[in-house]
Protein backbone atom coordinates (compact mmCIF):
# COMPACT_ATOMS: atom_id res chain seq x y z
CA MET A 1 1.36 9.87 4.21
CA GLU A 2 -1.54 8.51 6.26
CA HIS A 3 -2.55 10.89 9.04
CA GLY A 4 -4.55 9.82 12.06
CA PRO A 5 -8.00 11.29 11.29
CA GLY A 6 -10.41 12.32 14.02
CA PRO A 7 -12.05 9.83 16.38
CA VAL A 8 -14.73 7.54 15.01
CA TYR A 9 -17.05 6.37 17.74
CA GLY A 10 -18.79 3.01 17.98
CA LEU A 11 -15.93 1.04 16.43
CA PRO A 12 -13.73 -1.53 18.15
CA GLY A 13 -10.22 -0.79 19.41
CA ARG A 14 -7.92 2.20 19.16
CA HIS A 15 -7.75 3.82 15.74
CA GLU A 16 -4.00 3.37 15.39
CA SER A 17 -1.56 1.13 13.57
CA TYR A 18 0.25 -1.05 16.11
CA TRP A 19 3.48 -0.53 14.16
CA MET A 20 3.19 3.25 14.33
CA GLU A 21 2.21 3.33 17.99
CA THR A 22 5.27 1.29 18.97
CA THR A 23 7.86 3.15 16.83
CA PRO A 24 9.02 6.73 17.56
CA GLU A 25 8.25 9.28 14.87
CA THR A 26 11.28 10.49 12.95
CA SER A 27 12.48 14.09 12.69
CA TYR A 28 14.57 14.37 9.55
CA PRO A 29 14.69 17.94 8.17
CA PRO A 30 12.91 19.32 5.11
CA LEU A 31 14.89 19.94 1.93
CA PRO A 32 16.72 23.23 2.61
CA GLY A 33 16.89 24.29 -1.05
CA ASN A 34 18.23 23.11 -4.38
CA LEU A 35 20.46 20.03 -4.26
CA GLU A 36 22.46 17.78 -6.59
CA THR A 37 22.88 14.07 -5.91
CA ASP A 38 23.44 10.84 -7.83
CA VAL A 39 19.93 9.45 -7.28
CA ALA A 40 16.72 11.03 -5.97
CA VAL A 41 14.36 8.55 -4.29
CA VAL A 42 10.83 9.88 -3.86
CA GLY A 43 9.01 8.01 -1.11
CA GLY A 44 10.19 6.79 2.28
CA GLY A 45 8.45 3.43 2.67
CA ILE A 46 10.02 -0.01 2.43
CA THR A 47 10.80 0.39 -1.29
CA GLY A 48 12.35 3.83 -1.02
CA ILE A 49 14.39 3.19 2.13
CA THR A 50 15.67 -0.19 0.90
CA THR A 51 16.56 1.28 -2.51
CA ALA A 52 18.47 4.14 -0.88
CA VAL A 53 20.42 1.78 1.40
CA LEU A 54 21.37 -0.52 -1.48
CA LEU A 55 22.42 2.39 -3.68
CA LYS A 56 24.53 3.92 -0.93
CA GLN A 57 26.19 0.55 -0.37
CA ALA A 58 26.97 0.55 -4.11
CA GLY A 59 28.75 3.90 -3.79
CA TYR A 60 26.02 6.35 -4.88
CA THR A 61 24.90 9.50 -3.10
CA VAL A 62 21.16 9.45 -2.50
CA ALA A 63 18.46 11.88 -1.40
CA VAL A 64 15.24 10.37 -0.04
CA ILE A 65 12.33 12.80 -0.39
CA GLU A 66 9.24 12.12 1.74
CA GLY A 67 6.08 14.23 1.86
CA GLY A 68 5.33 13.27 5.44
CA ARG A 69 7.42 11.17 7.81
CA VAL A 70 9.35 8.18 6.49
CA TYR A 71 7.77 4.72 6.69
CA ARG A 72 4.56 6.02 8.31
CA GLY A 73 2.44 5.95 5.17
CA VAL A 74 1.45 2.75 3.39
CA THR A 75 4.24 0.72 5.00
CA GLY A 76 3.02 1.78 8.44
CA HIS A 77 -0.35 0.15 7.75
CA THR A 78 0.76 -3.26 6.47
CA THR A 79 0.23 -6.65 8.11
CA ALA A 80 3.96 -7.21 7.50
CA LYS A 81 4.02 -10.72 6.10
CA VAL A 82 7.41 -11.52 4.61
CA THR A 83 6.43 -14.25 2.19
CA SER A 84 6.43 -15.33 -1.44
CA LEU A 85 3.09 -17.10 -0.91
CA HIS A 86 0.70 -14.51 -2.36
CA ARG A 87 -2.61 -16.27 -1.92
CA LEU A 88 -3.12 -18.16 -5.23
CA ILE A 89 -0.78 -16.68 -7.84
CA TYR A 90 1.69 -19.19 -9.27
CA HIS A 91 -0.79 -21.31 -11.20
CA LYS A 92 -2.11 -18.08 -12.73
CA LEU A 93 1.36 -16.76 -13.52
CA ILE A 94 2.37 -19.95 -15.30
CA SER A 95 -0.82 -19.81 -17.38
CA ARG A 96 -0.41 -16.11 -18.18
CA PHE A 97 3.35 -15.65 -18.53
CA GLY A 98 4.79 -19.14 -18.85
CA GLY A 99 7.05 -20.97 -16.44
CA GLY A 100 10.11 -18.79 -17.07
CA GLN A 101 8.59 -15.51 -15.99
CA ALA A 102 6.56 -17.15 -13.20
CA LYS A 103 9.87 -18.41 -11.82
CA GLN A 104 11.28 -14.88 -12.00
CA TYR A 105 8.45 -13.69 -9.76
CA ALA A 106 8.98 -16.57 -7.35
CA ASP A 107 12.75 -16.11 -7.25
CA ALA A 108 12.47 -12.34 -6.72
CA ASN A 109 10.19 -12.74 -3.73
CA GLN A 110 12.22 -15.58 -2.23
CA ALA A 111 15.35 -13.44 -2.62
CA ALA A 112 13.57 -10.53 -0.94
CA ILE A 113 12.91 -12.69 2.12
CA GLU A 114 16.59 -13.54 2.35
CA THR A 115 17.64 -9.91 1.81
CA ILE A 116 15.48 -8.79 4.72
CA ALA A 117 16.86 -11.65 6.84
CA SER A 118 20.44 -10.69 5.93
CA PHE A 119 19.88 -7.03 6.88
CA VAL A 120 18.43 -8.14 10.22
CA ARG A 121 21.48 -10.33 10.89
CA GLU A 122 24.10 -7.90 9.57
CA TYR A 123 22.82 -4.90 11.49
CA ASP A 124 21.39 -6.80 14.47
CA ILE A 125 17.99 -5.15 13.99
CA PRO A 126 15.58 -5.77 16.92
CA CYS A 127 12.41 -6.06 14.83
CA ASN A 128 10.83 -9.36 15.97
CA PHE A 129 11.97 -11.06 12.76
CA VAL A 130 11.07 -14.74 12.99
CA ARG A 131 10.73 -17.53 10.47
CA ARG A 132 7.22 -18.89 10.04
CA PRO A 133 5.53 -21.23 7.56
CA ALA A 134 2.97 -19.50 5.35
CA TYR A 135 -0.36 -21.06 4.40
CA THR A 136 -3.06 -20.42 1.83
CA TYR A 137 -5.97 -22.51 3.06
CA ALA A 138 -9.17 -23.79 1.49
CA GLU A 139 -12.50 -23.04 3.16
CA SER A 140 -14.50 -25.36 0.86
CA GLU A 141 -14.09 -28.53 -1.16
CA ASP A 142 -14.04 -26.42 -4.34
CA SER A 143 -11.12 -24.38 -3.04
CA ARG A 144 -9.26 -27.55 -2.08
CA ASP A 145 -8.55 -28.38 -5.73
CA LEU A 146 -7.23 -24.86 -6.34
CA VAL A 147 -4.93 -25.08 -3.33
CA MET A 148 -3.57 -28.43 -4.47
CA ALA A 149 -2.92 -26.98 -7.94
CA GLU A 150 -1.11 -24.02 -6.37
CA ALA A 151 1.15 -26.35 -4.41
CA ASP A 152 2.03 -28.22 -7.59
CA ALA A 153 2.66 -24.97 -9.49
CA ALA A 154 4.88 -23.55 -6.76
CA ARG A 155 6.93 -26.76 -6.51
CA SER A 156 7.48 -26.69 -10.27
CA LEU A 157 9.13 -23.27 -9.82
CA GLY A 158 11.49 -24.46 -7.10
CA ILE A 159 9.57 -23.06 -4.12
CA PRO A 160 9.54 -25.25 -0.98
CA ALA A 161 5.79 -25.91 -1.17
CA THR A 162 3.67 -28.79 0.08
CA PHE A 163 -0.01 -29.58 0.38
CA VAL A 164 -1.11 -30.20 3.99
CA GLU A 165 -4.41 -31.24 5.49
CA GLU A 166 -4.29 -29.29 8.78
CA ILE A 167 -3.10 -25.76 9.57
CA GLY A 168 -3.89 -25.20 13.24
CA LEU A 169 -6.43 -22.37 12.91
CA PRO A 170 -9.76 -23.06 14.65
CA GLY A 171 -12.64 -24.04 12.42
CA ARG A 172 -13.04 -26.35 9.44
CA THR A 173 -10.53 -26.10 6.61
CA TYR A 174 -10.04 -28.31 3.57
CA GLY A 175 -6.29 -28.37 3.23
CA ALA A 176 -3.68 -25.75 2.42
CA VAL A 177 -0.56 -25.00 0.43
CA ARG A 178 2.37 -24.51 2.82
CA PHE A 179 5.61 -22.61 2.14
CA VAL A 180 8.39 -23.17 4.69
CA ASP A 181 11.00 -20.63 5.84
CA GLN A 182 8.83 -17.57 5.30
CA ALA A 183 8.85 -14.81 7.92
CA GLN A 184 7.22 -11.96 9.79
CA PHE A 185 8.64 -8.86 11.49
CA HIS A 186 7.96 -5.40 12.90
CA PRO A 187 8.34 -3.36 9.69
CA LEU A 188 8.89 0.06 11.22
CA LYS A 189 11.53 -1.06 13.70
CA TYR A 190 13.28 -2.70 10.74
CA LEU A 191 13.10 0.44 8.60
CA GLN A 192 13.99 2.72 11.50
CA ARG A 193 17.41 1.07 11.67
CA LEU A 194 17.88 0.88 7.89
CA ALA A 195 17.01 4.56 7.47
CA SER A 196 19.63 5.53 10.03
CA PHE A 197 22.36 4.35 7.64
CA ILE A 198 21.33 6.69 4.81
CA PRO A 199 22.29 10.21 5.98
CA GLY A 200 25.95 11.15 5.72
CA ASP A 201 28.72 11.15 3.11
CA GLY A 202 26.59 13.18 0.70
CA SER A 203 23.33 11.29 1.23
CA TYR A 204 20.20 12.62 2.92
CA ILE A 205 16.65 11.98 4.08
CA PHE A 206 14.32 14.95 3.72
CA GLU A 207 10.88 14.82 5.36
CA LYS A 208 7.90 17.17 5.09
CA THR A 209 8.98 17.77 1.48
CA ARG A 210 6.32 17.00 -1.09
CA ALA A 211 7.52 16.21 -4.60
CA LEU A 212 5.44 18.02 -7.21
CA GLU A 213 6.93 17.26 -10.61
CA VAL A 214 9.67 15.28 -12.36
CA GLN A 215 11.53 16.42 -15.47
CA ASP A 216 13.80 14.05 -17.38
CA GLY A 217 16.11 15.12 -20.18
CA GLY A 218 19.72 15.39 -21.20
CA GLY A 219 20.71 12.49 -18.99
CA ARG A 220 19.57 14.33 -15.84
CA CYS A 221 16.41 14.32 -13.73
CA ALA A 222 14.96 17.24 -11.82
CA VAL A 223 12.52 16.54 -9.01
CA ARG A 224 10.71 19.77 -8.17
CA THR A 225 9.46 19.90 -4.58
CA GLU A 226 7.72 22.50 -2.46
CA HIS A 227 11.12 23.47 -1.00
CA GLY A 228 13.49 23.30 -3.97
CA VAL A 229 14.72 21.14 -6.84
CA VAL A 230 16.75 17.94 -6.50
CA THR A 231 18.82 17.30 -9.62
CA SER A 232 20.19 13.81 -10.15
CA ARG A 233 21.36 11.26 -12.66
CA ALA A 234 18.31 9.06 -11.93
CA ALA A 235 15.05 9.32 -10.01
CA VAL A 236 13.11 6.52 -8.36
CA LEU A 237 9.38 7.02 -7.77
CA ALA A 238 8.69 4.84 -4.74
CA THR A 239 5.47 6.62 -3.76
CA HIS A 240 3.21 3.54 -3.90
CA TYR A 241 1.42 5.15 -6.85
CA PRO A 242 3.51 7.25 -9.27
CA PHE A 243 2.56 10.88 -8.60
CA TYR A 244 4.13 11.61 -12.00
CA ASP A 245 2.50 9.40 -14.62
CA GLY A 246 4.23 10.67 -17.76
CA PRO A 247 3.18 8.75 -20.88
CA GLY A 248 2.83 5.46 -19.00
CA PHE A 249 -0.99 5.46 -18.55
CA TYR A 250 -0.57 4.00 -15.04
CA TYR A 251 -3.82 5.64 -13.97
CA ALA A 252 -5.56 3.34 -16.46
CA ARG A 253 -3.62 0.20 -15.56
CA MET A 254 -4.23 -0.04 -11.82
CA GLU A 255 -7.09 0.25 -9.41
CA PRO A 256 -6.93 1.34 -5.75
CA SER A 257 -8.10 -1.01 -3.02
CA ARG A 258 -8.63 -0.58 0.71
CA SER A 259 -8.65 -3.27 3.37
CA TYR A 260 -8.88 -3.40 7.15
CA VAL A 261 -6.92 -4.79 10.10
CA LEU A 262 -7.83 -5.51 13.71
CA GLY A 263 -5.26 -6.18 16.42
CA ILE A 264 -6.97 -8.62 18.76
CA ARG A 265 -6.29 -10.73 21.84
CA THR A 266 -7.65 -14.26 21.58
CA GLY A 267 -6.92 -15.59 25.05
CA GLU A 268 -5.25 -18.70 23.62
CA PRO A 269 -1.98 -19.54 21.82
CA PHE A 270 -1.94 -18.71 18.13
CA PRO A 271 -0.76 -21.45 15.76
CA ASP A 272 2.71 -21.30 14.22
CA GLY A 273 2.32 -19.64 10.85
CA ILE A 274 0.96 -16.80 8.75
CA PHE A 275 -2.33 -17.50 6.99
CA ILE A 276 -4.69 -16.36 4.24
CA ASN A 277 -7.74 -18.04 2.73
CA ALA A 278 -7.78 -19.13 -0.89
CA GLU A 279 -11.01 -17.75 -2.34
CA GLY A 280 -13.77 -15.27 -1.73
CA PRO A 281 -13.34 -12.23 0.54
CA ALA A 282 -9.77 -12.36 1.80
CA HIS A 283 -9.11 -13.13 5.46
CA SER A 284 -5.53 -12.83 6.67
CA TRP A 285 -4.04 -13.94 10.00
CA ARG A 286 -0.72 -13.58 11.82
CA SER A 287 0.47 -12.98 15.37
CA GLN A 288 2.89 -10.44 16.82
CA PRO A 289 4.74 -10.34 20.16
CA ALA A 290 3.43 -7.33 22.07
CA GLU A 291 3.32 -5.84 25.53
CA GLY A 292 0.72 -7.73 27.54
CA GLY A 293 1.00 -10.88 25.45
CA GLU A 294 0.51 -12.04 21.90
CA LEU A 295 -1.38 -9.73 19.55
CA VAL A 296 -3.17 -11.36 16.62
CA LEU A 297 -3.66 -9.36 13.42
CA VAL A 298 -6.70 -10.29 11.36
CA GLY A 299 -7.24 -8.49 8.06
CA GLY A 300 -9.66 -8.39 5.17
CA MET A 301 -12.87 -6.75 3.92
CA GLU A 302 -11.23 -5.45 0.75
CA HIS A 303 -13.09 -2.97 -1.46
CA ARG A 304 -12.30 -0.38 -4.09
CA THR A 305 -11.18 2.94 -2.61
CA GLY A 306 -13.95 5.54 -2.60
CA GLU A 307 -16.86 3.14 -2.73
CA ASN A 308 -19.84 5.15 -1.58
CA VAL A 309 -20.70 2.98 1.41
CA ASP A 310 -20.44 3.39 5.16
CA THR A 311 -16.87 2.13 5.54
CA ARG A 312 -17.35 1.67 9.29
CA GLU A 313 -19.30 -1.45 8.42
CA HIS A 314 -16.09 -3.09 7.16
CA TYR A 315 -14.53 -2.87 10.62
CA ARG A 316 -17.70 -4.25 12.18
CA ALA A 317 -17.86 -7.10 9.67
CA LEU A 318 -14.21 -7.93 10.29
CA GLU A 319 -14.81 -8.04 14.03
CA ALA A 320 -17.80 -10.35 13.50
CA TYR A 321 -15.67 -12.64 11.35
CA ALA A 322 -12.86 -12.70 13.94
CA ARG A 323 -15.39 -13.62 16.64
CA SER A 324 -16.68 -16.46 14.46
CA VAL A 325 -13.20 -17.99 14.69
CA TYR A 326 -12.19 -16.85 18.20
CA PRO A 327 -15.42 -16.08 20.13
CA ALA A 328 -13.75 -14.55 23.19
CA ILE A 329 -11.63 -11.86 21.53
CA SER A 330 -10.93 -8.34 22.71
CA VAL A 331 -9.95 -5.69 20.16
CA ASP A 332 -6.97 -3.44 20.90
CA TYR A 333 -6.26 -1.80 17.52
CA ARG A 334 -7.87 -1.06 14.21
CA TRP A 335 -6.43 0.47 11.05
CA SER A 336 -6.85 0.33 7.28
CA ALA A 337 -4.47 0.01 4.36
CA GLN A 338 -4.42 1.03 0.72
CA ASP A 339 -3.01 -1.02 -2.13
CA TYR A 340 -2.89 -0.77 -5.92
CA ILE A 341 -3.70 -3.76 -8.10
CA THR A 342 -2.42 -4.06 -11.66
CA ILE A 343 -4.28 -5.67 -14.55
CA ASP A 344 -2.46 -8.99 -14.14
CA GLY A 345 -1.65 -8.80 -10.41
CA VAL A 346 2.10 -8.31 -10.99
CA PRO A 347 3.77 -5.01 -9.98
CA TYR A 348 5.30 -2.55 -12.43
CA ILE A 349 9.02 -2.19 -11.66
CA GLY A 350 11.46 -0.52 -14.06
CA PRO A 351 11.79 2.56 -16.28
CA LEU A 352 8.74 4.82 -16.22
CA ALA A 353 8.22 4.78 -19.99
CA ALA A 354 10.04 5.03 -23.31
CA GLY A 355 11.91 8.30 -23.39
CA HIS A 356 12.02 8.43 -19.59
CA GLU A 357 14.70 5.82 -18.99
CA ASN A 358 16.25 7.81 -16.12
CA VAL A 359 13.01 7.76 -14.12
CA TYR A 360 12.14 4.46 -12.46
CA ILE A 361 8.93 3.31 -10.81
CA ALA A 362 7.84 0.60 -8.41
CA THR A 363 4.09 0.31 -7.97
CA GLY A 364 1.12 -2.05 -7.92
CA PHE A 365 2.29 -4.41 -5.15
CA ARG A 366 -1.26 -5.63 -4.54
CA LYS A 367 -1.21 -6.83 -0.90
CA TRP A 368 2.40 -8.03 -0.87
CA GLY A 369 4.59 -4.99 -0.47
CA MET A 370 7.14 -6.35 2.02
CA THR A 371 8.69 -8.77 -0.47
CA ASN A 372 7.71 -7.09 -3.74
CA GLY A 373 8.89 -3.73 -2.39
CA THR A 374 12.23 -5.22 -1.35
CA ALA A 375 12.56 -7.02 -4.69
CA ALA A 376 11.83 -3.71 -6.43
CA ALA A 377 14.70 -2.07 -4.56
CA MET A 378 17.04 -4.85 -5.66
CA ILE A 379 15.89 -4.69 -9.30
CA LEU A 380 16.12 -0.89 -9.55
CA THR A 381 19.54 -0.81 -7.89
CA GLU A 382 20.80 -3.17 -10.59
CA MET A 383 19.22 -1.08 -13.36
CA ILE A 384 20.69 2.18 -12.08
CA GLN A 385 24.11 0.50 -12.15
CA ASP A 386 23.47 -0.46 -15.80
CA ARG A 387 23.25 -4.12 -14.87
CA THR A 388 20.62 -6.66 -15.89
CA SER A 389 18.34 -8.01 -13.21
CA PRO A 390 17.35 -11.67 -13.69
CA TRP A 391 13.80 -10.81 -12.59
CA ALA A 392 13.20 -7.64 -14.61
CA GLU A 393 11.18 -9.17 -17.45
CA VAL A 394 8.15 -10.29 -15.48
CA TYR A 395 7.86 -6.89 -13.75
CA ALA A 396 8.53 -4.75 -16.85
CA PRO A 397 6.15 -1.75 -16.88
CA ASP A 398 5.92 -1.84 -20.68
CA ARG A 399 4.65 -5.42 -20.84
CA PHE A 400 1.24 -4.06 -21.93
CA LYS A 401 0.37 -1.89 -24.87
CA PRO A 402 -1.11 1.31 -23.38
CA ALA A 403 -4.13 1.30 -25.70
CA ALA A 404 -5.18 -2.14 -24.53
CA SER A 405 -4.77 -1.15 -20.91
CA VAL A 406 -6.74 2.04 -21.33
CA ARG A 407 -9.60 0.21 -23.05
CA ARG A 408 -10.11 -2.09 -20.09
CA PHE A 409 -9.57 0.25 -17.17
CA LEU A 410 -10.99 3.50 -18.52
CA VAL A 411 -14.36 1.81 -18.96
CA HIS A 412 -14.31 1.02 -15.25
CA ASN A 413 -12.98 4.44 -14.24
CA ILE A 414 -15.57 6.27 -16.32
CA GLY A 415 -18.27 4.14 -14.73
CA VAL A 416 -17.03 5.03 -11.27
CA ALA A 417 -16.83 8.73 -12.10
CA GLU A 418 -20.33 8.72 -13.57
CA LYS A 419 -21.65 6.99 -10.46
CA TYR A 420 -20.30 9.68 -8.16
CA ILE A 421 -20.97 12.66 -10.39
CA GLY A 422 -24.41 11.53 -11.50
CA GLY A 423 -25.52 10.08 -8.19
CA ALA A 424 -24.10 12.60 -5.76
CA ILE A 425 -24.26 15.82 -7.75
CA SER A 426 -27.40 15.71 -9.87
CA ARG A 427 -29.32 14.37 -6.85
CA PRO A 428 -27.82 16.32 -3.91
CA ALA A 429 -27.99 14.59 -0.53
CA GLY A 430 -30.06 17.22 1.25
CA ASP A 431 -28.70 20.51 2.57
CA LEU A 432 -26.24 21.60 5.22
CA ARG A 433 -28.71 21.13 8.06
CA ASP A 434 -28.99 17.44 7.17
CA VAL A 435 -25.27 16.79 7.80
CA ARG A 436 -25.04 15.35 11.29
CA PRO A 437 -21.98 15.45 13.59
CA GLY A 438 -19.42 12.91 12.36
CA GLU A 439 -21.01 12.77 8.89
CA GLY A 440 -19.73 13.84 5.47
CA LYS A 441 -21.79 14.43 2.32
CA ILE A 442 -21.57 15.87 -1.18
CA LEU A 443 -23.99 18.81 -1.46
CA MET A 444 -24.86 21.59 -3.87
CA ILE A 445 -24.23 24.98 -2.25
CA GLU A 446 -25.18 28.07 -4.25
CA GLY A 447 -24.96 26.07 -7.44
CA GLU A 448 -21.54 24.56 -6.71
CA LYS A 449 -20.73 21.09 -5.46
CA ALA A 450 -19.19 20.89 -2.01
CA GLY A 451 -17.85 18.13 0.17
CA VAL A 452 -19.14 18.89 3.66
CA PHE A 453 -18.10 17.29 6.94
CA ARG A 454 -19.49 18.26 10.32
CA ASP A 455 -17.17 17.27 13.18
CA ARG A 456 -18.14 16.22 16.71
CA GLU A 457 -17.88 19.82 17.92
CA GLU A 458 -20.41 20.86 15.23
CA ARG A 459 -17.78 22.67 13.15
CA VAL A 460 -18.41 22.50 9.39
CA HIS A 461 -15.51 21.66 7.06
CA ALA A 462 -16.28 22.27 3.38
CA VAL A 463 -14.11 21.59 0.34
CA ASN A 464 -14.36 21.44 -3.42
CA PRO A 465 -14.79 17.65 -3.86
CA THR A 466 -13.13 17.51 -7.29
CA CYS A 467 -9.93 15.46 -6.97
CA THR A 468 -6.90 17.54 -7.97
CA HIS A 469 -5.31 14.57 -9.74
CA LEU A 470 -7.60 13.98 -12.74
CA GLY A 471 -10.90 15.54 -11.73
CA CYS A 472 -13.02 12.69 -10.33
CA VAL A 473 -15.37 13.45 -7.45
CA VAL A 474 -14.23 12.22 -4.05
CA ALA A 475 -16.39 10.27 -1.61
CA TRP A 476 -16.59 10.45 2.17
CA ASN A 477 -14.84 7.65 4.10
CA SER A 478 -16.72 7.46 7.39
CA ALA A 479 -14.30 5.00 9.05
CA GLU A 480 -11.20 7.16 8.54
CA GLU A 481 -12.97 10.55 8.22
CA THR A 482 -11.27 11.32 4.92
CA TRP A 483 -12.24 12.23 1.36
CA ASP A 484 -11.21 9.38 -0.98
CA CYS A 485 -11.06 9.41 -4.79
CA PRO A 486 -12.77 6.36 -6.36
CA CYS A 487 -10.82 6.66 -9.61
CA HIS A 488 -7.15 6.61 -8.62
CA GLY A 489 -7.09 6.47 -4.82
CA SER A 490 -6.00 9.97 -3.79
CA ARG A 491 -7.06 10.71 -0.23
CA TYR A 492 -7.53 13.97 1.66
CA ASP A 493 -8.32 14.88 5.27
CA ALA A 494 -11.54 16.65 6.24
CA ASP A 495 -10.02 20.03 5.38
CA GLY A 496 -8.79 18.84 1.97
CA ARG A 497 -5.09 18.33 2.74
CA VAL A 498 -3.48 15.53 0.70
CA ILE A 499 -2.71 12.45 2.79
CA HIS A 500 -2.25 9.96 -0.06
CA GLY A 501 -1.25 10.49 -3.71
CA PRO A 502 -1.21 10.50 -6.66
CA ALA A 503 -2.65 13.98 -5.99
CA VAL A 504 -0.06 16.54 -4.93
CA LYS A 505 -2.42 19.53 -4.50
CA ASP A 506 -4.94 19.97 -1.71
CA LEU A 507 -8.68 20.27 -2.29
CA ALA A 508 -9.73 23.92 -2.38
CA PRO A 509 -11.84 25.18 0.53
CA ARG A 510 -15.49 25.85 -0.15
CA GLY A 511 -17.64 28.33 1.74
CA ALA A 512 -20.56 26.82 3.65
CA GLN A 513 -22.82 28.59 6.10
CA GLU A 514 -25.83 27.48 8.12
CA ARG A 515 -29.15 28.88 6.94
């Protein structure tokens, strides 16, 4: 779960997700003890909630297990585009997988849009769901050719795609690929209603219940949590990143990425559509009905989680970019998001690994979790019913040989770890007196490394900065006031409490005294 860290001064807007501010927090109980159910679903975001609803509709009893509050983690920090237009992907998929599997990806995401639309209609969900065209637009003549090729590739897969010259956003563009009948919505109001249908008739939602371990054997799964064990026929790991990796080497097949969002007022009508640029640093645009008039969400400034830079600069750069398009903006909100990116840009959805066929995962959605997460729920529901999904092949987690995956990604992960261990530990960044209010640093204290943060009231918070997942050294995130792992994306608050997996254990406290 993403907590709201302490205030960060000198940045634009309120440090709050618009979706979370405008949706009441839930109050489902913790797991009261050991429990048996048909399916255990670990994670209460769009994938977990949708999976649980579909399984219950199919006649299964389900227990959703959430470490924090449902849908207030990764899903609460999305830009909530409901689209199968994922920047430039279809030309790449055809080249990499062939037309058959590329069409599976396209069909799965198109079906996800219609599934969301059908839930909204069936349950009359007041979530600002509205159809919009989606655009990937070129910002240069070079990008224009890529956009035209993407339109051709998408059309060849049966997607309603066209190439258009104008998109309506201010500033010079060089054409765009346009998908019709895409959508946008308020994701938490949508999930709030869906979640309400889960409890009852032997199904449950348990909050404030962190899953710690999964065991799979004898046709049964056991999910061990801090409050008891949930035993089930199948388990779905819908935790964004699988906290239980097993023999799947997922830590070596994905990399964590952070990006930023501003909720702005432009003072003029926003064009009809949802938008993202084709190349270079990503810039994403969409609008949202809000109290006081239309809110425009602009996102971008992607970087690897845990990069040892002043992350506040990403918010400032995003504001400068937004002002280059709409000079007279005011900023109401700011928040950041975390995503995982697989080697080939396609999520892993299916059985965890050979020998673990009763444990299912859905991870690596890149920046497109609303449709890929919904598609994952549909695919896994079919698999749990021993049916064949027509889209399973392209998403299959075992489509890579682990050794090949490890070779590519471990080189990068080792490089990251060496950067933080060698740079921050062998050359300590001063001593405790050098840590200013609002600043965090890695120091050496009495021969031991320590992550030290001094808050605005001059209180010192010190932790062991070794990530409890696989031992990398965390880095200070100045924009969110968190400790972030550069290797696999675990995140902790200033006192070391886990706020984002795959870690399930907190950072240990470390003594630190002024001298």
